[in-house]
Amino acid sequence: MSRIGKKPVDFGANIKVSTNGDIITFVAGKNSVDLDTKGNVNFSIDGTVLTFAVKSEAKEHRAFWGTYRALAQNIVTGLTDGYSKQLEINGVGYRAAVQGKILNLQLGFSHDINYELPEGVSAEVVKNVITLKSHDKQKLGQVAAEVRSFRPPEPYKGKGVKYMEEHIVRKAGKTASK
């Protein structure tokens, strides 16, 4: 029995929820997000509460029960509060700037990296910290991972792009063997 799947999702009055077959549509203001359950779970809307139920006792359906409930809760949280991730740039001459929907990164390569932000993701840069914001948790995590992958932090000096809460395990250099 899924403990997460049992919990109802309360979406409040500011989010409109509608269904069309196996697709649940969440709308808040100008943002709209679809959740396709692909017929793996049963769901019902009662006022401002969305509840999920297991389709059958098959192992896959029980696994999908908690997964789709968690995805629905992430959508509701994203539409009400939004999500943000912070990336820190460490290194001499490493910097970032935002020009419209383009994130310009100078990370020690011979050329600048111009990363086009996808629809629904915004960025702002203050000193050496990039703050990414979105209502879509999955898309935000993907963008943050792609930006980090341009120059992951190295273990000797810690240079590169890292998540703000990430801890880099530092290695000693050559002189440590003496």
N, C-alpha and C. Protein backbone atom coordinates (compact mmCIF):
# COMPACT_ATOMS: atom_id res chain seq x y z
N MET A 1 0.83 -1.18 0.00
CA MET A 1 0.00 0.00 0.00
C MET A 1 0.88 1.25 0.00
N SER A 2 0.59 2.15 -0.90
CA SER A 2 1.37 3.36 -1.00
C SER A 2 0.88 4.39 0.02
N ARG A 3 1.79 4.85 0.85
CA ARG A 3 1.42 5.89 1.80
C ARG A 3 1.26 7.23 1.09
N ILE A 4 2.07 7.43 0.04
CA ILE A 4 1.98 8.68 -0.71
C ILE A 4 0.72 8.69 -1.56
N GLY A 5 0.39 7.59 -2.19
CA GLY A 5 -0.78 7.52 -3.05
C GLY A 5 -2.09 7.76 -2.31
N LYS A 6 -2.13 7.42 -1.02
CA LYS A 6 -3.35 7.59 -0.22
C LYS A 6 -3.67 9.06 0.03
N LYS A 7 -2.65 9.91 0.10
CA LYS A 7 -2.87 11.30 0.46
C LYS A 7 -3.59 12.04 -0.67
N PRO A 8 -4.59 12.84 -0.35
CA PRO A 8 -5.25 13.62 -1.39
C PRO A 8 -4.41 14.85 -1.75
N VAL A 9 -4.60 15.36 -2.97
CA VAL A 9 -3.92 16.56 -3.44
C VAL A 9 -4.92 17.70 -3.37
N ASP A 10 -4.66 18.67 -2.48
CA ASP A 10 -5.54 19.83 -2.34
C ASP A 10 -4.99 20.94 -3.22
N PHE A 11 -5.73 21.33 -4.26
CA PHE A 11 -5.21 22.31 -5.20
C PHE A 11 -5.76 23.71 -4.99
N GLY A 12 -6.66 23.91 -4.06
CA GLY A 12 -7.13 25.25 -3.72
C GLY A 12 -8.04 25.84 -4.79
N ALA A 13 -8.49 27.06 -4.54
CA ALA A 13 -9.46 27.70 -5.43
C ALA A 13 -8.82 28.40 -6.61
N ASN A 14 -7.52 28.74 -6.52
CA ASN A 14 -6.89 29.50 -7.61
C ASN A 14 -6.42 28.63 -8.76
N ILE A 15 -6.50 27.32 -8.65
CA ILE A 15 -6.11 26.40 -9.73
C ILE A 15 -7.36 25.70 -10.24
N LYS A 16 -7.54 25.73 -11.55
CA LYS A 16 -8.66 25.04 -12.18
C LYS A 16 -8.16 23.68 -12.67
N VAL A 17 -8.86 22.63 -12.31
CA VAL A 17 -8.48 21.28 -12.71
C VAL A 17 -9.61 20.69 -13.54
N SER A 18 -9.24 20.16 -14.72
CA SER A 18 -10.21 19.50 -15.58
C SER A 18 -9.63 18.21 -16.10
N THR A 19 -10.51 17.31 -16.51
CA THR A 19 -10.05 16.02 -17.01
C THR A 19 -10.60 15.80 -18.41
N ASN A 20 -9.83 15.04 -19.19
CA ASN A 20 -10.25 14.64 -20.52
C ASN A 20 -9.71 13.23 -20.73
N GLY A 21 -10.52 12.24 -20.39
CA GLY A 21 -10.05 10.86 -20.47
C GLY A 21 -9.03 10.58 -19.39
N ASP A 22 -7.81 10.24 -19.79
CA ASP A 22 -6.73 9.94 -18.84
C ASP A 22 -5.84 11.14 -18.56
N ILE A 23 -6.17 12.30 -19.12
CA ILE A 23 -5.33 13.50 -18.97
C ILE A 23 -5.96 14.45 -17.96
N ILE A 24 -5.16 14.88 -16.99
CA ILE A 24 -5.59 15.87 -16.00
C ILE A 24 -4.90 17.18 -16.37
N THR A 25 -5.69 18.26 -16.50
CA THR A 25 -5.15 19.57 -16.88
C THR A 25 -5.26 20.51 -15.69
N PHE A 26 -4.13 21.12 -15.31
CA PHE A 26 -4.08 22.09 -14.23
C PHE A 26 -3.84 23.46 -14.87
N VAL A 27 -4.67 24.46 -14.53
CA VAL A 27 -4.54 25.80 -15.10
C VAL A 27 -4.54 26.81 -13.95
N ALA A 28 -3.51 27.67 -13.94
CA ALA A 28 -3.43 28.77 -12.98
C ALA A 28 -2.92 29.99 -13.72
N GLY A 29 -3.77 30.97 -13.90
CA GLY A 29 -3.37 32.17 -14.64
C GLY A 29 -3.10 31.81 -16.09
N LYS A 30 -1.92 32.16 -16.56
CA LYS A 30 -1.55 31.85 -17.95
C LYS A 30 -0.79 30.53 -18.08
N ASN A 31 -0.47 29.89 -16.97
CA ASN A 31 0.26 28.62 -16.99
C ASN A 31 -0.71 27.45 -17.01
N SER A 32 -0.43 26.48 -17.87
CA SER A 32 -1.25 25.29 -17.98
C SER A 32 -0.32 24.08 -18.07
N VAL A 33 -0.62 23.05 -17.27
CA VAL A 33 0.20 21.84 -17.26
C VAL A 33 -0.72 20.63 -17.37
N ASP A 34 -0.34 19.69 -18.25
CA ASP A 34 -1.10 18.46 -18.42
C ASP A 34 -0.35 17.30 -17.76
N LEU A 35 -1.11 16.42 -17.13
CA LEU A 35 -0.56 15.20 -16.55
C LEU A 35 -1.29 14.03 -17.19
N ASP A 36 -0.57 13.26 -18.01
CA ASP A 36 -1.15 12.12 -18.70
C ASP A 36 -0.90 10.86 -17.86
N THR A 37 -1.97 10.29 -17.33
CA THR A 37 -1.83 9.10 -16.48
C THR A 37 -1.75 7.83 -17.29
N LYS A 38 -1.99 7.89 -18.60
CA LYS A 38 -1.89 6.74 -19.51
C LYS A 38 -2.72 5.55 -19.04
N GLY A 39 -3.79 5.83 -18.28
CA GLY A 39 -4.69 4.76 -17.84
C GLY A 39 -4.13 3.87 -16.77
N ASN A 40 -3.07 4.30 -16.08
CA ASN A 40 -2.45 3.46 -15.06
C ASN A 40 -3.06 3.62 -13.67
N VAL A 41 -3.81 4.70 -13.44
CA VAL A 41 -4.44 4.93 -12.13
C VAL A 41 -5.85 5.46 -12.35
N ASN A 42 -6.67 5.32 -11.33
CA ASN A 42 -7.99 5.95 -11.31
C ASN A 42 -7.86 7.23 -10.49
N PHE A 43 -8.59 8.26 -10.87
CA PHE A 43 -8.56 9.51 -10.12
C PHE A 43 -9.95 10.11 -10.09
N SER A 44 -10.18 10.96 -9.08
CA SER A 44 -11.47 11.65 -8.98
C SER A 44 -11.24 13.03 -8.39
N ILE A 45 -12.09 13.96 -8.81
CA ILE A 45 -12.01 15.34 -8.32
C ILE A 45 -13.27 15.60 -7.51
N ASP A 46 -13.06 16.04 -6.27
CA ASP A 46 -14.18 16.35 -5.39
C ASP A 46 -13.96 17.75 -4.82
N GLY A 47 -14.57 18.76 -5.43
CA GLY A 47 -14.37 20.14 -5.00
C GLY A 47 -12.98 20.60 -5.36
N THR A 48 -12.15 20.85 -4.34
CA THR A 48 -10.77 21.27 -4.58
C THR A 48 -9.78 20.18 -4.18
N VAL A 49 -10.23 18.93 -4.18
CA VAL A 49 -9.37 17.81 -3.77
C VAL A 49 -9.32 16.79 -4.90
N LEU A 50 -8.11 16.39 -5.23
CA LEU A 50 -7.87 15.37 -6.24
C LEU A 50 -7.35 14.13 -5.52
N THR A 51 -8.02 12.99 -5.73
CA THR A 51 -7.58 11.75 -5.10
C THR A 51 -7.27 10.71 -6.17
N PHE A 52 -6.28 9.89 -5.88
CA PHE A 52 -5.87 8.82 -6.79
C PHE A 52 -6.18 7.49 -6.15
N ALA A 53 -6.50 6.50 -6.99
CA ALA A 53 -6.76 5.14 -6.52
C ALA A 53 -6.05 4.17 -7.45
N VAL A 54 -5.66 3.04 -6.88
CA VAL A 54 -4.95 2.03 -7.65
C VAL A 54 -5.93 1.38 -8.65
N LYS A 55 -5.46 1.15 -9.86
CA LYS A 55 -6.30 0.59 -10.92
C LYS A 55 -6.55 -0.91 -10.69
N SER A 56 -5.48 -1.62 -10.34
CA SER A 56 -5.59 -3.04 -10.01
C SER A 56 -4.48 -3.36 -9.02
N GLU A 57 -4.43 -4.58 -8.58
CA GLU A 57 -3.40 -4.97 -7.62
C GLU A 57 -2.10 -5.39 -8.29
N ALA A 58 -1.95 -5.13 -9.58
CA ALA A 58 -0.70 -5.44 -10.27
C ALA A 58 0.41 -4.54 -9.71
N LYS A 59 1.62 -5.06 -9.71
CA LYS A 59 2.75 -4.33 -9.12
C LYS A 59 2.97 -2.98 -9.80
N GLU A 60 2.85 -2.93 -11.15
CA GLU A 60 3.06 -1.68 -11.88
C GLU A 60 2.02 -0.64 -11.48
N HIS A 61 0.76 -1.06 -11.37
CA HIS A 61 -0.30 -0.11 -11.03
C HIS A 61 -0.14 0.43 -9.61
N ARG A 62 0.32 -0.40 -8.70
CA ARG A 62 0.56 0.10 -7.34
C ARG A 62 1.72 1.09 -7.33
N ALA A 63 2.74 0.85 -8.19
CA ALA A 63 3.87 1.78 -8.26
C ALA A 63 3.44 3.11 -8.89
N PHE A 64 2.61 3.04 -9.91
CA PHE A 64 2.14 4.26 -10.57
C PHE A 64 1.24 5.10 -9.66
N TRP A 65 0.56 4.46 -8.74
CA TRP A 65 -0.36 5.15 -7.85
C TRP A 65 0.33 6.28 -7.10
N GLY A 66 1.43 5.96 -6.42
CA GLY A 66 2.17 6.98 -5.68
C GLY A 66 2.90 7.94 -6.59
N THR A 67 3.37 7.45 -7.74
CA THR A 67 4.11 8.30 -8.67
C THR A 67 3.24 9.41 -9.23
N TYR A 68 2.05 9.06 -9.70
CA TYR A 68 1.18 10.08 -10.28
C TYR A 68 0.65 11.05 -9.24
N ARG A 69 0.45 10.57 -8.03
CA ARG A 69 0.04 11.48 -6.96
C ARG A 69 1.15 12.49 -6.67
N ALA A 70 2.40 12.03 -6.64
CA ALA A 70 3.53 12.92 -6.40
C ALA A 70 3.70 13.91 -7.55
N LEU A 71 3.51 13.45 -8.79
CA LEU A 71 3.61 14.36 -9.94
C LEU A 71 2.52 15.43 -9.88
N ALA A 72 1.31 15.04 -9.50
CA ALA A 72 0.22 16.01 -9.37
C ALA A 72 0.52 17.03 -8.28
N GLN A 73 1.06 16.57 -7.16
CA GLN A 73 1.40 17.49 -6.07
C GLN A 73 2.50 18.45 -6.51
N ASN A 74 3.49 17.98 -7.27
CA ASN A 74 4.55 18.85 -7.78
C ASN A 74 3.99 19.91 -8.73
N ILE A 75 3.02 19.54 -9.54
CA ILE A 75 2.40 20.50 -10.46
C ILE A 75 1.66 21.57 -9.67
N VAL A 76 0.91 21.16 -8.66
CA VAL A 76 0.15 22.12 -7.85
C VAL A 76 1.10 23.06 -7.10
N THR A 77 2.14 22.52 -6.53
CA THR A 77 3.13 23.35 -5.83
C THR A 77 3.81 24.31 -6.79
N GLY A 78 4.14 23.84 -7.98
CA GLY A 78 4.78 24.70 -8.97
C GLY A 78 3.90 25.83 -9.43
N LEU A 79 2.61 25.56 -9.60
CA LEU A 79 1.69 26.60 -10.05
C LEU A 79 1.36 27.60 -8.95
N THR A 80 1.40 27.18 -7.70
CA THR A 80 1.10 28.11 -6.60
C THR A 80 2.34 28.87 -6.14
N ASP A 81 3.43 28.16 -5.84
CA ASP A 81 4.63 28.79 -5.28
C ASP A 81 5.76 28.92 -6.30
N GLY A 82 5.88 27.97 -7.20
CA GLY A 82 6.99 27.95 -8.15
C GLY A 82 8.20 27.27 -7.54
N TYR A 83 9.15 26.94 -8.39
CA TYR A 83 10.39 26.29 -7.96
C TYR A 83 11.56 27.15 -8.38
N SER A 84 12.66 27.03 -7.65
CA SER A 84 13.88 27.74 -8.04
C SER A 84 15.09 26.89 -7.68
N LYS A 85 16.12 27.04 -8.48
CA LYS A 85 17.41 26.39 -8.21
C LYS A 85 18.49 27.44 -8.37
N GLN A 86 19.51 27.34 -7.53
CA GLN A 86 20.62 28.28 -7.61
C GLN A 86 21.89 27.53 -7.96
N LEU A 87 22.63 28.10 -8.91
CA LEU A 87 23.91 27.55 -9.33
C LEU A 87 24.98 28.59 -9.03
N GLU A 88 26.11 28.13 -8.53
CA GLU A 88 27.21 29.04 -8.19
C GLU A 88 28.36 28.80 -9.16
N ILE A 89 28.95 29.91 -9.65
CA ILE A 89 30.08 29.83 -10.57
C ILE A 89 31.33 30.20 -9.79
N ASN A 90 32.32 29.30 -9.79
CA ASN A 90 33.60 29.55 -9.13
C ASN A 90 34.71 29.45 -10.16
N GLY A 91 35.59 30.42 -10.20
CA GLY A 91 36.72 30.39 -11.11
C GLY A 91 37.09 31.78 -11.56
N VAL A 92 38.35 32.01 -11.79
CA VAL A 92 38.83 33.32 -12.24
C VAL A 92 38.37 33.54 -13.67
N GLY A 93 37.66 34.63 -13.91
CA GLY A 93 37.19 34.96 -15.24
C GLY A 93 35.90 34.26 -15.63
N TYR A 94 35.36 33.43 -14.75
CA TYR A 94 34.09 32.76 -15.04
C TYR A 94 32.96 33.72 -14.69
N ARG A 95 32.04 33.92 -15.62
CA ARG A 95 30.91 34.79 -15.34
C ARG A 95 29.72 34.41 -16.20
N ALA A 96 28.56 34.95 -15.81
CA ALA A 96 27.32 34.67 -16.53
C ALA A 96 26.52 35.96 -16.67
N ALA A 97 25.69 36.03 -17.70
CA ALA A 97 24.80 37.16 -17.92
C ALA A 97 23.55 36.66 -18.63
N VAL A 98 22.45 37.35 -18.43
CA VAL A 98 21.20 37.00 -19.08
C VAL A 98 20.83 38.10 -20.05
N GLN A 99 20.57 37.72 -21.31
CA GLN A 99 20.12 38.66 -22.33
C GLN A 99 18.83 38.10 -22.92
N GLY A 100 17.70 38.56 -22.40
CA GLY A 100 16.41 38.05 -22.85
C GLY A 100 16.22 36.61 -22.43
N LYS A 101 16.07 35.70 -23.40
CA LYS A 101 15.91 34.27 -23.11
C LYS A 101 17.22 33.50 -23.32
N ILE A 102 18.34 34.22 -23.41
CA ILE A 102 19.65 33.59 -23.62
C ILE A 102 20.49 33.77 -22.35
N LEU A 103 21.04 32.66 -21.86
CA LEU A 103 21.97 32.69 -20.74
C LEU A 103 23.38 32.60 -21.31
N ASN A 104 24.15 33.68 -21.17
CA ASN A 104 25.50 33.75 -21.71
C ASN A 104 26.47 33.36 -20.61
N LEU A 105 27.26 32.31 -20.87
CA LEU A 105 28.22 31.81 -19.88
C LEU A 105 29.64 31.92 -20.42
N GLN A 106 30.53 32.46 -19.61
CA GLN A 106 31.95 32.49 -19.93
C GLN A 106 32.64 31.62 -18.89
N LEU A 107 33.05 30.42 -19.33
CA LEU A 107 33.54 29.41 -18.40
C LEU A 107 34.95 28.93 -18.73
N GLY A 108 35.77 29.81 -19.28
CA GLY A 108 37.16 29.46 -19.54
C GLY A 108 37.41 28.80 -20.87
N PHE A 109 36.40 28.68 -21.70
CA PHE A 109 36.60 28.13 -23.04
C PHE A 109 37.00 29.26 -23.98
N SER A 110 37.41 28.93 -25.19
CA SER A 110 37.79 29.95 -26.16
C SER A 110 36.59 30.71 -26.69
N HIS A 111 35.37 30.24 -26.40
CA HIS A 111 34.16 30.89 -26.89
C HIS A 111 33.14 30.95 -25.76
N ASP A 112 32.20 31.89 -25.85
CA ASP A 112 31.11 31.97 -24.89
C ASP A 112 30.10 30.88 -25.19
N ILE A 113 29.39 30.45 -24.17
CA ILE A 113 28.31 29.49 -24.33
C ILE A 113 27.01 30.27 -24.22
N ASN A 114 26.22 30.26 -25.29
CA ASN A 114 24.92 30.90 -25.29
C ASN A 114 23.86 29.81 -25.18
N TYR A 115 23.28 29.70 -23.99
CA TYR A 115 22.27 28.67 -23.71
C TYR A 115 20.90 29.31 -23.78
N GLU A 116 20.06 28.79 -24.68
CA GLU A 116 18.71 29.33 -24.82
C GLU A 116 17.81 28.66 -23.79
N LEU A 117 17.20 29.48 -22.94
CA LEU A 117 16.32 28.96 -21.90
C LEU A 117 15.00 28.49 -22.52
N PRO A 118 14.51 27.32 -22.12
CA PRO A 118 13.24 26.85 -22.68
C PRO A 118 12.06 27.68 -22.16
N GLU A 119 10.93 27.49 -22.81
CA GLU A 119 9.71 28.20 -22.43
C GLU A 119 9.33 27.84 -21.00
N GLY A 120 9.03 28.84 -20.18
CA GLY A 120 8.61 28.60 -18.80
C GLY A 120 9.73 28.64 -17.79
N VAL A 121 10.98 28.82 -18.23
CA VAL A 121 12.11 28.90 -17.31
C VAL A 121 12.73 30.29 -17.44
N SER A 122 12.94 30.95 -16.32
CA SER A 122 13.58 32.27 -16.33
C SER A 122 14.85 32.21 -15.50
N ALA A 123 15.75 33.12 -15.78
CA ALA A 123 17.03 33.15 -15.07
C ALA A 123 17.39 34.57 -14.70
N GLU A 124 18.11 34.70 -13.60
CA GLU A 124 18.69 35.99 -13.23
C GLU A 124 20.05 35.72 -12.60
N VAL A 125 20.96 36.65 -12.80
CA VAL A 125 22.33 36.48 -12.32
C VAL A 125 22.68 37.62 -11.38
N VAL A 126 23.16 37.28 -10.19
CA VAL A 126 23.66 38.26 -9.24
C VAL A 126 25.06 37.82 -8.85
N LYS A 127 26.05 38.64 -9.21
CA LYS A 127 27.47 38.32 -9.00
C LYS A 127 27.80 36.97 -9.63
N ASN A 128 28.09 35.96 -8.84
CA ASN A 128 28.45 34.65 -9.40
C ASN A 128 27.38 33.58 -9.13
N VAL A 129 26.12 34.00 -8.91
CA VAL A 129 25.04 33.07 -8.61
C VAL A 129 23.96 33.20 -9.68
N ILE A 130 23.65 32.08 -10.32
CA ILE A 130 22.57 32.01 -11.31
C ILE A 130 21.35 31.44 -10.61
N THR A 131 20.22 32.17 -10.65
CA THR A 131 18.98 31.70 -10.07
C THR A 131 18.02 31.36 -11.20
N LEU A 132 17.62 30.10 -11.28
CA LEU A 132 16.67 29.63 -12.29
C LEU A 132 15.32 29.44 -11.62
N LYS A 133 14.25 29.92 -12.28
CA LYS A 133 12.89 29.80 -11.72
C LYS A 133 11.96 29.24 -12.77
N SER A 134 11.00 28.40 -12.30
CA SER A 134 10.01 27.83 -13.20
C SER A 134 8.85 27.27 -12.39
N HIS A 135 7.74 27.00 -13.06
CA HIS A 135 6.62 26.33 -12.41
C HIS A 135 6.67 24.83 -12.67
N ASP A 136 7.58 24.38 -13.54
CA ASP A 136 7.71 22.97 -13.90
C ASP A 136 8.99 22.42 -13.26
N LYS A 137 8.83 21.56 -12.27
CA LYS A 137 9.98 21.04 -11.51
C LYS A 137 10.92 20.21 -12.38
N GLN A 138 10.37 19.38 -13.26
CA GLN A 138 11.20 18.52 -14.10
C GLN A 138 12.01 19.34 -15.08
N LYS A 139 11.38 20.31 -15.72
CA LYS A 139 12.07 21.15 -16.70
C LYS A 139 13.16 21.99 -16.03
N LEU A 140 12.88 22.49 -14.83
CA LEU A 140 13.85 23.29 -14.09
C LEU A 140 15.08 22.46 -13.73
N GLY A 141 14.87 21.23 -13.26
CA GLY A 141 15.99 20.35 -12.92
C GLY A 141 16.82 20.00 -14.14
N GLN A 142 16.16 19.80 -15.29
CA GLN A 142 16.88 19.48 -16.52
C GLN A 142 17.75 20.65 -16.97
N VAL A 143 17.20 21.87 -16.91
CA VAL A 143 17.96 23.06 -17.32
C VAL A 143 19.15 23.26 -16.38
N ALA A 144 18.94 23.11 -15.07
CA ALA A 144 20.03 23.27 -14.11
C ALA A 144 21.13 22.24 -14.36
N ALA A 145 20.75 21.00 -14.66
CA ALA A 145 21.74 19.96 -14.93
C ALA A 145 22.51 20.25 -16.22
N GLU A 146 21.84 20.78 -17.24
CA GLU A 146 22.52 21.10 -18.49
C GLU A 146 23.50 22.25 -18.30
N VAL A 147 23.12 23.28 -17.54
CA VAL A 147 24.02 24.40 -17.29
C VAL A 147 25.22 23.93 -16.48
N ARG A 148 25.00 23.07 -15.48
CA ARG A 148 26.11 22.54 -14.68
C ARG A 148 27.04 21.69 -15.53
N SER A 149 26.50 20.98 -16.54
CA SER A 149 27.31 20.07 -17.34
C SER A 149 28.31 20.80 -18.25
N PHE A 150 28.11 22.10 -18.49
CA PHE A 150 29.07 22.83 -19.32
C PHE A 150 30.45 22.89 -18.67
N ARG A 151 30.51 23.01 -17.34
CA ARG A 151 31.78 23.02 -16.62
C ARG A 151 31.52 22.51 -15.20
N PRO A 152 31.46 21.16 -15.03
CA PRO A 152 31.23 20.64 -13.68
C PRO A 152 32.40 20.99 -12.76
N PRO A 153 32.17 21.09 -11.47
CA PRO A 153 33.25 21.47 -10.56
C PRO A 153 34.33 20.39 -10.50
N GLU A 154 35.57 20.85 -10.49
CA GLU A 154 36.68 19.90 -10.40
C GLU A 154 37.14 19.80 -8.95
N PRO A 155 37.71 18.66 -8.53
CA PRO A 155 37.97 18.43 -7.12
C PRO A 155 39.21 19.10 -6.54
N TYR A 156 40.08 19.69 -7.36
CA TYR A 156 41.32 20.23 -6.82
C TYR A 156 41.18 21.68 -6.38
N LYS A 157 40.63 22.53 -7.23
CA LYS A 157 40.44 23.93 -6.85
C LYS A 157 38.97 24.29 -6.67
N GLY A 158 38.07 23.41 -7.08
CA GLY A 158 36.64 23.68 -6.94
C GLY A 158 36.09 24.58 -8.03
N LYS A 159 36.85 24.77 -9.12
CA LYS A 159 36.40 25.63 -10.20
C LYS A 159 35.30 24.94 -10.99
N GLY A 160 34.33 25.74 -11.44
CA GLY A 160 33.25 25.21 -12.26
C GLY A 160 31.89 25.70 -11.80
N VAL A 161 30.85 25.07 -12.30
CA VAL A 161 29.48 25.43 -11.95
C VAL A 161 28.93 24.34 -11.05
N LYS A 162 28.44 24.74 -9.88
CA LYS A 162 27.90 23.77 -8.93
C LYS A 162 26.58 24.27 -8.39
N TYR A 163 25.78 23.32 -7.90
CA TYR A 163 24.55 23.71 -7.21
C TYR A 163 24.92 24.41 -5.91
N MET A 164 24.10 25.34 -5.49
CA MET A 164 24.40 26.12 -4.29
C MET A 164 24.54 25.22 -3.06
N GLU A 165 23.69 24.19 -2.93
CA GLU A 165 23.74 23.32 -1.75
C GLU A 165 24.71 22.15 -1.90
N GLU A 166 25.35 22.04 -3.06
CA GLU A 166 26.26 20.93 -3.33
C GLU A 166 27.59 21.16 -2.60
N HIS A 167 28.15 20.08 -2.06
CA HIS A 167 29.45 20.13 -1.40
C HIS A 167 30.45 19.37 -2.27
N ILE A 168 31.52 20.03 -2.62
CA ILE A 168 32.55 19.43 -3.46
C ILE A 168 33.63 18.85 -2.55
N VAL A 169 33.87 17.56 -2.66
CA VAL A 169 34.92 16.91 -1.88
C VAL A 169 36.24 17.27 -2.54
N ARG A 170 37.09 17.94 -1.79
CA ARG A 170 38.35 18.43 -2.34
C ARG A 170 39.44 17.39 -2.17
N LYS A 171 40.31 17.31 -3.19
CA LYS A 171 41.46 16.41 -3.14
C LYS A 171 42.71 17.23 -2.88
N ALA A 172 43.68 16.59 -2.25
CA ALA A 172 44.96 17.24 -2.05
C ALA A 172 45.76 17.14 -3.36
N GLY A 173 46.63 18.11 -3.60
CA GLY A 173 47.43 18.09 -4.81
C GLY A 173 48.62 17.16 -4.68
N LYS A 174 49.64 17.39 -5.49
CA LYS A 174 50.83 16.52 -5.52
C LYS A 174 51.61 16.57 -4.22
N THR A 175 51.60 17.73 -3.54
CA THR A 175 52.43 17.88 -2.34
C THR A 175 51.92 17.06 -1.17
N ALA A 176 50.76 16.52 -1.24
CA ALA A 176 50.20 15.75 -0.11
C ALA A 176 50.90 14.42 0.09
N SER A 177 51.61 13.91 -0.91
CA SER A 177 52.25 12.62 -0.78
C SER A 177 53.57 12.68 -0.02
N LYS A 178 54.10 13.86 0.25
CA LYS A 178 55.38 13.98 0.97
C LYS A 178 55.26 13.73 2.43
